[in-house]
Amino acid sequence: MQVLAILIAAVSGIAMAYQGSVNAAAVSSIGLVPTTFTVMVIGAVLSGAYMLIEGTAANLGIPSLTSAPWWAYTGGVVGPVITAAVAYAIGKAGMVNATTGIILGQLGFAALIDHLGWFGAEPLHFSPIKIAGIILMAVGGRILLSR
């Protein structure tokens, strides 16, 4: 099952690279904020349609929504920021440089989340080998960012 999860994560990484590239192209045509807004609206419409088809739209009732901790909804605030930041970074720094920064930022924060058990995650403490892996990723990132 973990192999499937990693494969799905890899596919989402491909989709994120695609989305960042096309969003950066849209930014050059219509601007950063209009691109971010358009992407979010399209995502909301598609998600809403999927919920209607799947039959989970009823889960949007007040009792269901209040059962999650308040911080579980901060992704709604962070989502547009991520979309705008990625489109901006790719447009200014290029795909590989921006993606390197994104991955290193994700890895560092994900390691903290795992280690400290934030946001309801089961703590997965650092081991020396994981610390070495993070250091190697950082070194690799530095190599990718060099000219």
N, C-alpha and C. Protein backbone atom coordinates (compact mmCIF):
# COMPACT_ATOMS: atom_id res chain seq x y z
N MET A 1 0.82 -1.20 0.00
CA MET A 1 0.00 0.00 0.00
C MET A 1 0.86 1.26 0.00
N GLN A 2 2.01 1.21 0.70
CA GLN A 2 2.89 2.37 0.72
C GLN A 2 3.46 2.66 -0.67
N VAL A 3 3.70 1.62 -1.46
CA VAL A 3 4.21 1.81 -2.82
C VAL A 3 3.19 2.58 -3.65
N LEU A 4 1.91 2.21 -3.53
CA LEU A 4 0.86 2.91 -4.25
C LEU A 4 0.80 4.38 -3.82
N ALA A 5 0.91 4.62 -2.53
CA ALA A 5 0.88 6.00 -2.03
C ALA A 5 2.04 6.81 -2.61
N ILE A 6 3.21 6.22 -2.69
CA ILE A 6 4.38 6.92 -3.25
C ILE A 6 4.19 7.17 -4.74
N LEU A 7 3.62 6.21 -5.45
CA LEU A 7 3.34 6.40 -6.88
C LEU A 7 2.33 7.52 -7.09
N ILE A 8 1.29 7.55 -6.27
CA ILE A 8 0.30 8.62 -6.36
C ILE A 8 0.95 9.96 -6.06
N ALA A 9 1.84 10.00 -5.06
CA ALA A 9 2.56 11.23 -4.74
C ALA A 9 3.41 11.68 -5.93
N ALA A 10 4.06 10.72 -6.60
CA ALA A 10 4.89 11.06 -7.77
C ALA A 10 4.02 11.63 -8.89
N VAL A 11 2.86 11.04 -9.11
CA VAL A 11 1.95 11.55 -10.13
C VAL A 11 1.48 12.96 -9.76
N SER A 12 1.22 13.19 -8.47
CA SER A 12 0.81 14.53 -8.06
C SER A 12 1.95 15.52 -8.26
N GLY A 13 3.19 15.07 -8.10
CA GLY A 13 4.33 15.93 -8.37
C GLY A 13 4.40 16.32 -9.84
N ILE A 14 4.11 15.38 -10.71
CA ILE A 14 4.06 15.67 -12.15
C ILE A 14 2.96 16.68 -12.43
N ALA A 15 1.80 16.47 -11.82
CA ALA A 15 0.67 17.39 -12.00
C ALA A 15 1.01 18.78 -11.47
N MET A 16 1.74 18.84 -10.35
CA MET A 16 2.12 20.14 -9.78
C MET A 16 3.08 20.88 -10.71
N ALA A 17 4.01 20.15 -11.32
CA ALA A 17 4.93 20.78 -12.27
C ALA A 17 4.16 21.32 -13.47
N TYR A 18 3.22 20.53 -13.96
CA TYR A 18 2.37 20.97 -15.08
C TYR A 18 1.58 22.21 -14.68
N GLN A 19 0.92 22.14 -13.52
CA GLN A 19 0.10 23.26 -13.08
C GLN A 19 0.93 24.53 -12.91
N GLY A 20 2.09 24.40 -12.30
CA GLY A 20 2.95 25.57 -12.12
C GLY A 20 3.35 26.19 -13.45
N SER A 21 3.65 25.36 -14.42
CA SER A 21 4.05 25.86 -15.74
C SER A 21 2.92 26.58 -16.44
N VAL A 22 1.74 25.96 -16.46
CA VAL A 22 0.62 26.59 -17.16
C VAL A 22 0.13 27.82 -16.40
N ASN A 23 0.20 27.80 -15.07
CA ASN A 23 -0.18 28.98 -14.31
C ASN A 23 0.78 30.14 -14.58
N ALA A 24 2.08 29.84 -14.67
CA ALA A 24 3.06 30.88 -14.98
C ALA A 24 2.78 31.49 -16.36
N ALA A 25 2.37 30.66 -17.31
CA ALA A 25 2.02 31.16 -18.64
C ALA A 25 0.78 32.06 -18.56
N ALA A 26 -0.19 31.66 -17.75
CA ALA A 26 -1.40 32.47 -17.59
C ALA A 26 -1.07 33.81 -16.93
N VAL A 27 -0.15 33.79 -15.96
CA VAL A 27 0.25 35.03 -15.28
C VAL A 27 0.77 36.04 -16.30
N SER A 28 1.54 35.57 -17.26
CA SER A 28 2.10 36.49 -18.25
C SER A 28 1.01 37.08 -19.14
N SER A 29 -0.14 36.44 -19.20
CA SER A 29 -1.24 36.94 -20.03
C SER A 29 -2.23 37.80 -19.24
N ILE A 30 -2.66 37.30 -18.07
CA ILE A 30 -3.73 38.00 -17.35
C ILE A 30 -3.32 38.54 -15.99
N GLY A 31 -2.13 38.20 -15.51
CA GLY A 31 -1.67 38.70 -14.22
C GLY A 31 -1.76 37.66 -13.12
N LEU A 32 -1.04 37.92 -12.02
CA LEU A 32 -0.92 36.95 -10.93
C LEU A 32 -2.23 36.72 -10.19
N VAL A 33 -2.87 37.79 -9.74
CA VAL A 33 -4.09 37.63 -8.94
C VAL A 33 -5.24 37.08 -9.79
N PRO A 34 -5.48 37.58 -11.02
CA PRO A 34 -6.53 36.97 -11.83
C PRO A 34 -6.29 35.49 -12.14
N THR A 35 -5.03 35.12 -12.36
CA THR A 35 -4.71 33.71 -12.59
C THR A 35 -5.04 32.88 -11.36
N THR A 36 -4.60 33.35 -10.19
CA THR A 36 -4.87 32.63 -8.95
C THR A 36 -6.36 32.48 -8.72
N PHE A 37 -7.10 33.56 -8.92
CA PHE A 37 -8.55 33.52 -8.74
C PHE A 37 -9.20 32.52 -9.70
N THR A 38 -8.81 32.57 -10.96
CA THR A 38 -9.38 31.68 -11.97
C THR A 38 -9.10 30.22 -11.64
N VAL A 39 -7.87 29.92 -11.25
CA VAL A 39 -7.50 28.54 -10.89
C VAL A 39 -8.33 28.06 -9.70
N MET A 40 -8.49 28.92 -8.69
CA MET A 40 -9.25 28.53 -7.50
C MET A 40 -10.73 28.32 -7.82
N VAL A 41 -11.31 29.18 -8.67
CA VAL A 41 -12.72 29.03 -9.04
C VAL A 41 -12.93 27.74 -9.82
N ILE A 42 -12.05 27.47 -10.79
CA ILE A 42 -12.18 26.23 -11.55
C ILE A 42 -12.07 25.02 -10.62
N GLY A 43 -11.12 25.05 -9.70
CA GLY A 43 -10.97 23.96 -8.74
C GLY A 43 -12.20 23.80 -7.86
N ALA A 44 -12.78 24.91 -7.42
CA ALA A 44 -13.98 24.85 -6.57
C ALA A 44 -15.16 24.27 -7.34
N VAL A 45 -15.33 24.69 -8.58
CA VAL A 45 -16.44 24.18 -9.40
C VAL A 45 -16.27 22.68 -9.65
N LEU A 46 -15.07 22.25 -10.01
CA LEU A 46 -14.84 20.82 -10.26
C LEU A 46 -15.00 20.00 -8.98
N SER A 47 -14.50 20.51 -7.86
CA SER A 47 -14.66 19.79 -6.59
C SER A 47 -16.13 19.69 -6.21
N GLY A 48 -16.87 20.78 -6.39
CA GLY A 48 -18.30 20.78 -6.09
C GLY A 48 -19.06 19.79 -6.96
N ALA A 49 -18.74 19.77 -8.25
CA ALA A 49 -19.40 18.82 -9.15
C ALA A 49 -19.08 17.39 -8.75
N TYR A 50 -17.84 17.13 -8.39
CA TYR A 50 -17.45 15.78 -7.96
C TYR A 50 -18.20 15.38 -6.69
N MET A 51 -18.33 16.31 -5.75
CA MET A 51 -19.07 15.99 -4.51
C MET A 51 -20.53 15.68 -4.81
N LEU A 52 -21.12 16.40 -5.74
CA LEU A 52 -22.51 16.12 -6.10
C LEU A 52 -22.65 14.74 -6.73
N ILE A 53 -21.73 14.40 -7.62
CA ILE A 53 -21.75 13.09 -8.28
C ILE A 53 -21.50 11.98 -7.27
N GLU A 54 -20.53 12.19 -6.40
CA GLU A 54 -20.15 11.18 -5.42
C GLU A 54 -21.16 11.07 -4.28
N GLY A 55 -21.92 12.12 -4.05
CA GLY A 55 -22.91 12.11 -2.98
C GLY A 55 -22.38 12.56 -1.64
N THR A 56 -21.24 13.24 -1.62
CA THR A 56 -20.68 13.70 -0.35
C THR A 56 -20.97 15.17 -0.07
N ALA A 57 -21.77 15.82 -0.91
CA ALA A 57 -22.09 17.23 -0.70
C ALA A 57 -22.80 17.44 0.63
N ALA A 58 -23.52 16.43 1.11
CA ALA A 58 -24.22 16.55 2.39
C ALA A 58 -23.25 16.72 3.55
N ASN A 59 -22.00 16.35 3.36
CA ASN A 59 -20.99 16.50 4.42
C ASN A 59 -20.63 17.95 4.68
N LEU A 60 -21.19 18.88 3.91
CA LEU A 60 -20.89 20.29 4.10
C LEU A 60 -21.81 20.95 5.12
N GLY A 61 -22.60 20.17 5.83
CA GLY A 61 -23.47 20.73 6.86
C GLY A 61 -22.67 21.26 8.03
N ILE A 62 -23.29 22.16 8.80
CA ILE A 62 -22.61 22.79 9.94
C ILE A 62 -22.07 21.76 10.93
N PRO A 63 -22.83 20.71 11.30
CA PRO A 63 -22.26 19.74 12.25
C PRO A 63 -20.98 19.09 11.73
N SER A 64 -20.95 18.76 10.46
CA SER A 64 -19.75 18.14 9.89
C SER A 64 -18.59 19.13 9.86
N LEU A 65 -18.88 20.34 9.44
CA LEU A 65 -17.82 21.34 9.32
C LEU A 65 -17.23 21.73 10.67
N THR A 66 -18.05 21.75 11.70
CA THR A 66 -17.55 22.14 13.02
C THR A 66 -16.87 20.99 13.75
N SER A 67 -16.92 19.79 13.21
CA SER A 67 -16.28 18.65 13.88
C SER A 67 -14.76 18.65 13.68
N ALA A 68 -14.29 19.35 12.67
CA ALA A 68 -12.84 19.42 12.43
C ALA A 68 -12.26 20.59 13.23
N PRO A 69 -11.00 20.48 13.65
CA PRO A 69 -10.38 21.62 14.35
C PRO A 69 -10.27 22.82 13.41
N TRP A 70 -10.25 24.02 13.98
CA TRP A 70 -10.23 25.24 13.18
C TRP A 70 -9.06 25.27 12.20
N TRP A 71 -7.91 24.78 12.62
CA TRP A 71 -6.72 24.86 11.77
C TRP A 71 -6.81 23.95 10.55
N ALA A 72 -7.76 23.00 10.57
CA ALA A 72 -7.91 22.10 9.42
C ALA A 72 -8.39 22.85 8.18
N TYR A 73 -8.95 24.04 8.37
CA TYR A 73 -9.45 24.82 7.25
C TYR A 73 -8.48 25.89 6.77
N THR A 74 -7.32 25.98 7.39
CA THR A 74 -6.35 26.99 6.96
C THR A 74 -5.78 26.68 5.57
N GLY A 75 -5.96 25.45 5.11
CA GLY A 75 -5.55 25.12 3.74
C GLY A 75 -6.28 25.97 2.72
N GLY A 76 -7.51 26.40 3.06
CA GLY A 76 -8.25 27.28 2.16
C GLY A 76 -7.60 28.64 2.02
N VAL A 77 -6.90 29.07 3.04
CA VAL A 77 -6.17 30.33 2.99
C VAL A 77 -4.83 30.12 2.30
N VAL A 78 -4.19 29.01 2.61
CA VAL A 78 -2.86 28.74 2.08
C VAL A 78 -2.91 28.37 0.59
N GLY A 79 -3.98 27.72 0.14
CA GLY A 79 -4.09 27.28 -1.26
C GLY A 79 -3.84 28.38 -2.28
N PRO A 80 -4.56 29.51 -2.20
CA PRO A 80 -4.30 30.58 -3.16
C PRO A 80 -2.89 31.17 -3.04
N VAL A 81 -2.37 31.23 -1.82
CA VAL A 81 -1.00 31.74 -1.63
C VAL A 81 -0.01 30.82 -2.34
N ILE A 82 -0.20 29.51 -2.18
CA ILE A 82 0.69 28.55 -2.85
C ILE A 82 0.59 28.70 -4.37
N THR A 83 -0.64 28.75 -4.87
CA THR A 83 -0.85 28.86 -6.32
C THR A 83 -0.15 30.10 -6.87
N ALA A 84 -0.34 31.23 -6.20
CA ALA A 84 0.27 32.48 -6.66
C ALA A 84 1.79 32.42 -6.53
N ALA A 85 2.29 31.92 -5.40
CA ALA A 85 3.73 31.88 -5.18
C ALA A 85 4.44 30.97 -6.18
N VAL A 86 3.85 29.82 -6.46
CA VAL A 86 4.45 28.89 -7.42
C VAL A 86 4.47 29.50 -8.82
N ALA A 87 3.35 30.08 -9.23
CA ALA A 87 3.30 30.69 -10.56
C ALA A 87 4.32 31.83 -10.67
N TYR A 88 4.43 32.63 -9.63
CA TYR A 88 5.40 33.73 -9.63
C TYR A 88 6.83 33.20 -9.69
N ALA A 89 7.14 32.24 -8.82
CA ALA A 89 8.50 31.70 -8.73
C ALA A 89 8.93 31.05 -10.04
N ILE A 90 8.05 30.27 -10.64
CA ILE A 90 8.39 29.61 -11.90
C ILE A 90 8.61 30.65 -13.00
N GLY A 91 7.75 31.66 -13.02
CA GLY A 91 7.90 32.70 -14.03
C GLY A 91 9.19 33.49 -13.90
N LYS A 92 9.66 33.68 -12.67
CA LYS A 92 10.86 34.49 -12.43
C LYS A 92 12.15 33.67 -12.35
N ALA A 93 12.08 32.47 -11.76
CA ALA A 93 13.30 31.69 -11.51
C ALA A 93 13.48 30.51 -12.46
N GLY A 94 12.43 30.13 -13.18
CA GLY A 94 12.49 28.95 -14.02
C GLY A 94 11.97 27.73 -13.28
N MET A 95 11.61 26.72 -14.05
CA MET A 95 10.96 25.54 -13.50
C MET A 95 11.84 24.78 -12.51
N VAL A 96 13.06 24.46 -12.90
CA VAL A 96 13.93 23.64 -12.03
C VAL A 96 14.29 24.40 -10.76
N ASN A 97 14.67 25.67 -10.89
CA ASN A 97 15.04 26.44 -9.70
C ASN A 97 13.87 26.60 -8.74
N ALA A 98 12.71 26.94 -9.28
CA ALA A 98 11.54 27.11 -8.42
C ALA A 98 11.15 25.79 -7.77
N THR A 99 11.15 24.73 -8.54
CA THR A 99 10.78 23.42 -8.00
C THR A 99 11.77 22.96 -6.94
N THR A 100 13.03 23.27 -7.13
CA THR A 100 14.03 22.92 -6.11
C THR A 100 13.71 23.62 -4.80
N GLY A 101 13.40 24.91 -4.87
CA GLY A 101 13.02 25.64 -3.66
C GLY A 101 11.76 25.08 -3.03
N ILE A 102 10.78 24.75 -3.86
CA ILE A 102 9.52 24.19 -3.37
C ILE A 102 9.77 22.88 -2.64
N ILE A 103 10.51 21.99 -3.27
CA ILE A 103 10.75 20.66 -2.68
C ILE A 103 11.54 20.78 -1.38
N LEU A 104 12.56 21.63 -1.36
CA LEU A 104 13.34 21.78 -0.13
C LEU A 104 12.49 22.37 0.99
N GLY A 105 11.64 23.34 0.65
CA GLY A 105 10.74 23.90 1.66
C GLY A 105 9.74 22.87 2.16
N GLN A 106 9.17 22.10 1.24
CA GLN A 106 8.22 21.05 1.63
C GLN A 106 8.89 20.01 2.50
N LEU A 107 10.07 19.59 2.11
CA LEU A 107 10.78 18.55 2.85
C LEU A 107 11.10 19.01 4.27
N GLY A 108 11.61 20.22 4.39
CA GLY A 108 11.96 20.74 5.71
C GLY A 108 10.75 20.84 6.62
N PHE A 109 9.65 21.41 6.10
CA PHE A 109 8.46 21.56 6.94
C PHE A 109 7.80 20.21 7.20
N ALA A 110 7.79 19.32 6.21
CA ALA A 110 7.23 17.98 6.41
C ALA A 110 8.00 17.23 7.48
N ALA A 111 9.31 17.39 7.51
CA ALA A 111 10.12 16.73 8.54
C ALA A 111 9.74 17.24 9.93
N LEU A 112 9.52 18.54 10.05
CA LEU A 112 9.08 19.09 11.34
C LEU A 112 7.70 18.57 11.74
N ILE A 113 6.79 18.54 10.78
CA ILE A 113 5.44 18.04 11.06
C ILE A 113 5.51 16.59 11.54
N ASP A 114 6.26 15.77 10.82
CA ASP A 114 6.41 14.36 11.22
C ASP A 114 7.06 14.24 12.59
N HIS A 115 8.15 14.95 12.79
CA HIS A 115 8.92 14.81 14.03
C HIS A 115 8.12 15.28 15.25
N LEU A 116 7.40 16.39 15.09
CA LEU A 116 6.69 16.98 16.22
C LEU A 116 5.23 16.53 16.32
N GLY A 117 4.75 15.82 15.32
CA GLY A 117 3.37 15.34 15.35
C GLY A 117 2.35 16.46 15.24
N TRP A 118 2.67 17.49 14.49
CA TRP A 118 1.74 18.61 14.32
C TRP A 118 0.53 18.20 13.49
N PHE A 119 -0.55 18.92 13.64
CA PHE A 119 -1.76 18.78 12.84
C PHE A 119 -2.35 17.38 12.89
N GLY A 120 -2.22 16.74 14.02
CA GLY A 120 -2.80 15.42 14.21
C GLY A 120 -1.98 14.27 13.65
N ALA A 121 -0.81 14.55 13.13
CA ALA A 121 0.04 13.48 12.58
C ALA A 121 0.68 12.70 13.72
N GLU A 122 0.83 11.41 13.50
CA GLU A 122 1.54 10.59 14.47
C GLU A 122 3.03 10.94 14.38
N PRO A 123 3.67 11.25 15.51
CA PRO A 123 5.08 11.63 15.45
C PRO A 123 5.96 10.53 14.86
N LEU A 124 6.76 10.90 13.90
CA LEU A 124 7.75 10.02 13.29
C LEU A 124 9.10 10.71 13.48
N HIS A 125 9.79 10.33 14.52
CA HIS A 125 10.99 11.06 14.93
C HIS A 125 12.14 10.87 13.95
N PHE A 126 12.98 11.90 13.91
CA PHE A 126 14.16 11.86 13.06
C PHE A 126 15.07 10.72 13.49
N SER A 127 15.68 10.12 12.51
CA SER A 127 16.74 9.15 12.78
C SER A 127 17.99 9.73 12.11
N PRO A 128 19.16 9.26 12.50
CA PRO A 128 20.38 9.77 11.85
C PRO A 128 20.34 9.61 10.33
N ILE A 129 19.78 8.52 9.85
CA ILE A 129 19.75 8.30 8.40
C ILE A 129 18.80 9.29 7.72
N LYS A 130 17.68 9.63 8.38
CA LYS A 130 16.77 10.62 7.81
C LYS A 130 17.41 12.01 7.80
N ILE A 131 18.12 12.33 8.86
CA ILE A 131 18.83 13.61 8.90
C ILE A 131 19.86 13.67 7.78
N ALA A 132 20.58 12.57 7.56
CA ALA A 132 21.55 12.51 6.46
C ALA A 132 20.85 12.69 5.12
N GLY A 133 19.68 12.09 4.97
CA GLY A 133 18.91 12.23 3.73
C GLY A 133 18.50 13.67 3.48
N ILE A 134 18.07 14.36 4.53
CA ILE A 134 17.68 15.76 4.39
C ILE A 134 18.89 16.61 4.01
N ILE A 135 20.02 16.33 4.63
CA ILE A 135 21.25 17.06 4.30
C ILE A 135 21.64 16.82 2.84
N LEU A 136 21.55 15.56 2.40
CA LEU A 136 21.87 15.25 1.00
C LEU A 136 20.92 15.95 0.04
N MET A 137 19.63 16.01 0.40
CA MET A 137 18.67 16.73 -0.44
C MET A 137 19.04 18.21 -0.53
N ALA A 138 19.44 18.79 0.61
CA ALA A 138 19.83 20.20 0.62
C ALA A 138 21.06 20.43 -0.24
N VAL A 139 22.03 19.53 -0.15
CA VAL A 139 23.23 19.63 -0.99
C VAL A 139 22.85 19.50 -2.46
N GLY A 140 22.00 18.54 -2.76
CA GLY A 140 21.53 18.38 -4.13
C GLY A 140 20.80 19.61 -4.63
N GLY A 141 20.00 20.21 -3.76
CA GLY A 141 19.31 21.44 -4.12
C GLY A 141 20.29 22.56 -4.42
N ARG A 142 21.32 22.66 -3.63
CA ARG A 142 22.35 23.69 -3.86
C ARG A 142 23.04 23.46 -5.20
N ILE A 143 23.30 22.21 -5.52
CA ILE A 143 23.93 21.89 -6.81
C ILE A 143 22.99 22.29 -7.95
N LEU A 144 21.71 21.96 -7.82
CA LEU A 144 20.75 22.32 -8.86
C LEU A 144 20.62 23.83 -9.04
N LEU A 145 20.79 24.57 -7.96
CA LEU A 145 20.64 26.03 -8.04
C LEU A 145 21.90 26.74 -8.51
N SER A 146 23.02 26.01 -8.57
CA SER A 146 24.26 26.66 -9.01
C SER A 146 24.26 26.81 -10.53
N ARG A 147 25.03 27.74 -10.99
CA ARG A 147 25.06 27.98 -12.45
C ARG A 147 26.22 27.32 -13.07
